[in-house]
Structures are given as C-alpha cells and as structure tokens.
C-alpha cells in the first residue's frame, strides 16, 4: 500500500504490505480466529481431554494482546474504506 498524504501513520502501519481489501480481510479474520484460539478454553472445559490437546494455551497472556490488535486492524480497514485509499 502506498501512503497517501492524509493517511495516519497507524493506518499505514497496519496494512503497509497489503495491497488489496481482500488481503486485509484475510488478515483480520485470521486474527479473529487466533483471538478465539487464545482464550484459555482448557481452564474452563476440564471434562474433555481433546480440548487440552487442541487448545494448548492455558493462561490469559495472549488474549489481552490479540483483542487490541484485531481492533486496530478493523479501525484501519474502516478508515481506508471511508477514504477510498485502496489502490485500484
């Protein structure tokens, strides 16, 4: 993505190497899925052994980092859409 004159730095940094809206949506949905994965499911669902084998995260350390990241990407996408900053 090429930086426009009116584009804030936080928007440019979010998608500096992504040139299409589809690529940005793939990034956002990947982060959303990883955020759901980062919830410590194994602490709350203890009767299912397969939960402990699939969801390896057993603390809250990743979730507080992922939520602001998803929000940042979403707000950046919204800014780019409102200002028609995607390259054609």
N, C-alpha and C. Protein backbone atom coordinates (compact mmCIF):
# COMPACT_ATOMS: atom_id res chain seq x y z
N UNK A 1 0.84 -1.16 0.00
CA UNK A 1 0.00 0.00 0.00
C UNK A 1 0.89 1.23 0.00
N UNK A 2 0.48 2.19 -0.78
CA UNK A 2 1.21 3.44 -0.86
C UNK A 2 0.60 4.45 0.12
N UNK A 3 1.45 5.14 0.87
CA UNK A 3 0.95 6.09 1.87
C UNK A 3 0.44 7.35 1.18
N UNK A 4 -0.80 7.70 1.49
CA UNK A 4 -1.41 8.93 0.99
C UNK A 4 -1.06 10.07 1.93
N UNK A 5 -1.25 11.30 1.47
CA UNK A 5 -0.91 12.46 2.29
C UNK A 5 -1.76 12.57 3.55
N UNK A 6 -3.03 12.22 3.44
CA UNK A 6 -3.93 12.37 4.59
C UNK A 6 -4.03 11.10 5.44
N UNK A 7 -3.27 10.08 5.12
CA UNK A 7 -3.36 8.80 5.83
C UNK A 7 -2.57 8.86 7.14
N UNK A 8 -3.21 8.53 8.26
CA UNK A 8 -2.48 8.49 9.53
C UNK A 8 -1.45 7.36 9.54
N UNK A 9 -0.43 7.54 10.32
CA UNK A 9 0.64 6.55 10.38
C UNK A 9 0.13 5.20 10.89
N UNK A 10 -0.78 5.20 11.86
CA UNK A 10 -1.29 3.95 12.42
C UNK A 10 -2.06 3.13 11.38
N UNK A 11 -2.70 3.80 10.43
CA UNK A 11 -3.39 3.09 9.35
C UNK A 11 -2.38 2.52 8.37
N UNK A 12 -1.39 3.31 8.01
CA UNK A 12 -0.37 2.85 7.07
C UNK A 12 0.39 1.65 7.64
N UNK A 13 0.74 1.70 8.91
CA UNK A 13 1.49 0.60 9.51
C UNK A 13 0.68 -0.69 9.59
N UNK A 14 -0.63 -0.58 9.70
CA UNK A 14 -1.47 -1.77 9.79
C UNK A 14 -1.43 -2.57 8.49
N UNK A 15 -1.48 -1.89 7.37
CA UNK A 15 -1.58 -2.57 6.07
C UNK A 15 -0.49 -2.14 5.10
N UNK A 16 0.70 -1.88 5.58
CA UNK A 16 1.76 -1.37 4.70
C UNK A 16 2.18 -2.37 3.63
N UNK A 17 2.06 -3.64 3.88
CA UNK A 17 2.46 -4.63 2.88
C UNK A 17 1.27 -5.35 2.25
N UNK A 18 0.07 -4.86 2.48
CA UNK A 18 -1.14 -5.46 1.91
C UNK A 18 -1.73 -4.46 0.92
N UNK A 19 -1.96 -4.92 -0.30
CA UNK A 19 -2.40 -4.02 -1.36
C UNK A 19 -3.88 -4.09 -1.69
N UNK A 20 -4.57 -5.08 -1.18
CA UNK A 20 -5.98 -5.23 -1.53
C UNK A 20 -6.85 -5.33 -0.28
N UNK A 21 -8.11 -5.01 -0.46
CA UNK A 21 -9.07 -5.13 0.64
C UNK A 21 -9.26 -6.59 1.03
N UNK A 22 -9.23 -7.47 0.04
CA UNK A 22 -9.37 -8.90 0.32
C UNK A 22 -8.23 -9.40 1.20
N UNK A 23 -7.03 -8.95 0.93
CA UNK A 23 -5.88 -9.33 1.77
C UNK A 23 -6.03 -8.82 3.19
N UNK A 24 -6.56 -7.60 3.33
CA UNK A 24 -6.78 -7.04 4.66
C UNK A 24 -7.85 -7.83 5.41
N UNK A 25 -8.91 -8.23 4.71
CA UNK A 25 -9.95 -9.03 5.35
C UNK A 25 -9.43 -10.40 5.78
N UNK A 26 -8.58 -11.00 4.97
CA UNK A 26 -7.98 -12.28 5.34
C UNK A 26 -7.14 -12.12 6.61
N UNK A 27 -6.37 -11.04 6.68
CA UNK A 27 -5.57 -10.77 7.88
C UNK A 27 -6.46 -10.58 9.10
N UNK A 28 -7.52 -9.81 8.96
CA UNK A 28 -8.41 -9.54 10.10
C UNK A 28 -9.09 -10.82 10.56
N UNK A 29 -9.62 -11.61 9.64
CA UNK A 29 -10.30 -12.85 10.04
C UNK A 29 -9.32 -13.87 10.63
N UNK A 30 -8.09 -13.89 10.14
CA UNK A 30 -7.08 -14.77 10.75
C UNK A 30 -6.80 -14.36 12.19
N UNK A 31 -6.73 -13.05 12.42
CA UNK A 31 -6.51 -12.56 13.78
C UNK A 31 -7.71 -12.85 14.68
N UNK A 32 -8.91 -12.75 14.15
CA UNK A 32 -10.11 -13.07 14.94
C UNK A 32 -10.10 -14.54 15.34
N UNK A 33 -9.77 -15.40 14.40
CA UNK A 33 -9.72 -16.84 14.70
C UNK A 33 -8.64 -17.14 15.74
N UNK A 34 -7.49 -16.52 15.60
CA UNK A 34 -6.42 -16.74 16.57
C UNK A 34 -6.80 -16.17 17.93
N UNK A 35 -7.55 -15.07 17.95
CA UNK A 35 -8.01 -14.49 19.22
C UNK A 35 -8.93 -15.46 19.94
N UNK A 36 -9.83 -16.09 19.21
CA UNK A 36 -10.71 -17.10 19.81
C UNK A 36 -9.89 -18.28 20.32
N UNK A 37 -8.87 -18.67 19.57
CA UNK A 37 -7.99 -19.76 20.00
C UNK A 37 -7.24 -19.38 21.28
N UNK A 38 -6.90 -18.10 21.45
CA UNK A 38 -6.12 -17.66 22.60
C UNK A 38 -6.90 -17.65 23.91
N UNK A 39 -8.20 -17.78 23.84
CA UNK A 39 -8.97 -17.90 25.08
C UNK A 39 -8.56 -19.19 25.78
N UNK A 40 -8.33 -19.17 27.08
CA UNK A 40 -7.86 -20.39 27.77
C UNK A 40 -8.98 -21.41 27.98
N UNK A 41 -9.39 -22.04 26.91
CA UNK A 41 -10.51 -22.99 26.96
C UNK A 41 -10.23 -24.15 27.91
N UNK A 42 -8.99 -24.58 27.99
CA UNK A 42 -8.68 -25.75 28.82
C UNK A 42 -8.87 -25.48 30.32
N UNK A 43 -8.93 -24.23 30.71
CA UNK A 43 -9.19 -23.93 32.13
C UNK A 43 -10.66 -24.08 32.49
N UNK A 44 -11.53 -23.95 31.51
CA UNK A 44 -12.97 -23.96 31.77
C UNK A 44 -13.68 -25.23 31.32
N UNK A 45 -13.13 -25.91 30.35
CA UNK A 45 -13.71 -27.18 29.89
C UNK A 45 -12.73 -28.28 30.28
N UNK A 46 -12.93 -28.80 31.46
CA UNK A 46 -11.96 -29.76 32.01
C UNK A 46 -12.35 -31.21 31.78
N UNK A 47 -13.61 -31.47 31.42
CA UNK A 47 -14.04 -32.86 31.27
C UNK A 47 -13.74 -33.44 29.89
N UNK A 48 -13.31 -32.61 28.96
CA UNK A 48 -12.98 -33.08 27.60
C UNK A 48 -11.47 -33.07 27.41
N UNK A 49 -10.89 -34.24 27.25
CA UNK A 49 -9.44 -34.35 27.10
C UNK A 49 -8.95 -33.77 25.77
N UNK A 50 -9.76 -33.87 24.74
CA UNK A 50 -9.33 -33.37 23.43
C UNK A 50 -9.21 -31.84 23.42
N UNK A 51 -9.91 -31.16 24.31
CA UNK A 51 -9.78 -29.70 24.42
C UNK A 51 -8.37 -29.34 24.87
N UNK A 52 -7.84 -30.08 25.83
CA UNK A 52 -6.48 -29.82 26.32
C UNK A 52 -5.43 -30.13 25.25
N UNK A 53 -5.73 -31.06 24.36
CA UNK A 53 -4.77 -31.40 23.32
C UNK A 53 -4.80 -30.42 22.16
N UNK A 54 -5.95 -29.84 21.87
CA UNK A 54 -6.06 -28.89 20.76
C UNK A 54 -5.72 -27.47 21.19
N UNK A 55 -6.30 -27.04 22.30
CA UNK A 55 -6.07 -25.67 22.79
C UNK A 55 -4.96 -25.70 23.83
N UNK A 56 -3.76 -25.40 23.40
CA UNK A 56 -2.58 -25.53 24.25
C UNK A 56 -2.39 -24.34 25.18
N UNK A 57 -3.06 -23.25 24.92
CA UNK A 57 -2.89 -22.05 25.75
C UNK A 57 -3.71 -22.22 27.03
N UNK A 58 -3.03 -22.11 28.16
CA UNK A 58 -3.72 -22.31 29.43
C UNK A 58 -3.57 -21.11 30.37
N UNK A 59 -3.33 -19.94 29.80
CA UNK A 59 -3.31 -18.72 30.60
C UNK A 59 -3.89 -17.57 29.78
N UNK A 60 -3.98 -16.41 30.39
CA UNK A 60 -4.62 -15.26 29.76
C UNK A 60 -3.64 -14.34 29.05
N UNK A 61 -2.40 -14.70 28.91
CA UNK A 61 -1.38 -13.77 28.43
C UNK A 61 -1.56 -13.35 26.97
N UNK A 62 -2.06 -14.22 26.11
CA UNK A 62 -2.19 -13.88 24.69
C UNK A 62 -3.45 -13.10 24.38
N UNK A 63 -4.52 -13.37 25.04
CA UNK A 63 -5.80 -12.74 24.74
C UNK A 63 -5.77 -11.21 24.88
N UNK A 64 -5.20 -10.65 25.93
CA UNK A 64 -5.17 -9.18 26.03
C UNK A 64 -4.33 -8.50 24.94
N UNK A 65 -3.44 -9.24 24.31
CA UNK A 65 -2.67 -8.67 23.20
C UNK A 65 -3.43 -8.76 21.89
N UNK A 66 -4.19 -9.80 21.72
CA UNK A 66 -4.86 -10.03 20.44
C UNK A 66 -6.08 -9.14 20.25
N UNK A 67 -6.82 -8.84 21.29
CA UNK A 67 -8.03 -8.03 21.16
C UNK A 67 -7.71 -6.62 20.64
N UNK A 68 -6.73 -5.90 21.20
CA UNK A 68 -6.41 -4.58 20.62
C UNK A 68 -5.88 -4.67 19.19
N UNK A 69 -5.18 -5.76 18.87
CA UNK A 69 -4.66 -5.91 17.51
C UNK A 69 -5.80 -6.05 16.50
N UNK A 70 -6.79 -6.86 16.82
CA UNK A 70 -7.95 -7.01 15.93
C UNK A 70 -8.68 -5.68 15.80
N UNK A 71 -8.83 -4.98 16.90
CA UNK A 71 -9.49 -3.67 16.87
C UNK A 71 -8.71 -2.68 16.00
N UNK A 72 -7.40 -2.68 16.12
CA UNK A 72 -6.54 -1.80 15.31
C UNK A 72 -6.71 -2.10 13.83
N UNK A 73 -6.66 -3.38 13.45
CA UNK A 73 -6.84 -3.74 12.04
C UNK A 73 -8.23 -3.36 11.54
N UNK A 74 -9.24 -3.59 12.36
CA UNK A 74 -10.61 -3.25 11.96
C UNK A 74 -10.77 -1.74 11.75
N UNK A 75 -10.27 -0.94 12.69
CA UNK A 75 -10.38 0.51 12.56
C UNK A 75 -9.57 1.04 11.38
N UNK A 76 -8.43 0.43 11.12
CA UNK A 76 -7.64 0.81 9.95
C UNK A 76 -8.38 0.49 8.66
N UNK A 77 -8.99 -0.67 8.59
CA UNK A 77 -9.77 -1.03 7.40
C UNK A 77 -10.93 -0.07 7.22
N UNK A 78 -11.58 0.28 8.30
CA UNK A 78 -12.70 1.22 8.22
C UNK A 78 -12.25 2.60 7.73
N UNK A 79 -11.09 3.05 8.20
CA UNK A 79 -10.57 4.34 7.74
C UNK A 79 -10.25 4.30 6.25
N UNK A 80 -9.62 3.23 5.81
CA UNK A 80 -9.26 3.11 4.40
C UNK A 80 -10.50 3.05 3.53
N UNK A 81 -11.52 2.31 3.98
CA UNK A 81 -12.76 2.24 3.21
C UNK A 81 -13.46 3.59 3.12
N UNK A 82 -13.49 4.33 4.20
CA UNK A 82 -14.15 5.63 4.20
C UNK A 82 -13.43 6.65 3.31
N UNK A 83 -12.12 6.53 3.24
CA UNK A 83 -11.33 7.50 2.49
C UNK A 83 -10.92 6.99 1.11
N UNK A 84 -11.43 5.86 0.72
CA UNK A 84 -11.17 5.27 -0.61
C UNK A 84 -9.67 5.25 -0.92
N UNK A 85 -8.92 4.68 -0.01
CA UNK A 85 -7.44 4.69 -0.14
C UNK A 85 -6.88 3.41 -0.76
N UNK A 86 -7.73 2.44 -1.11
CA UNK A 86 -7.22 1.24 -1.75
C UNK A 86 -6.79 1.56 -3.16
N UNK A 87 -5.67 0.96 -3.55
CA UNK A 87 -5.20 1.13 -4.92
C UNK A 87 -6.11 0.37 -5.87
N UNK A 88 -6.33 0.93 -7.02
CA UNK A 88 -7.24 0.29 -7.99
C UNK A 88 -6.46 -0.59 -8.93
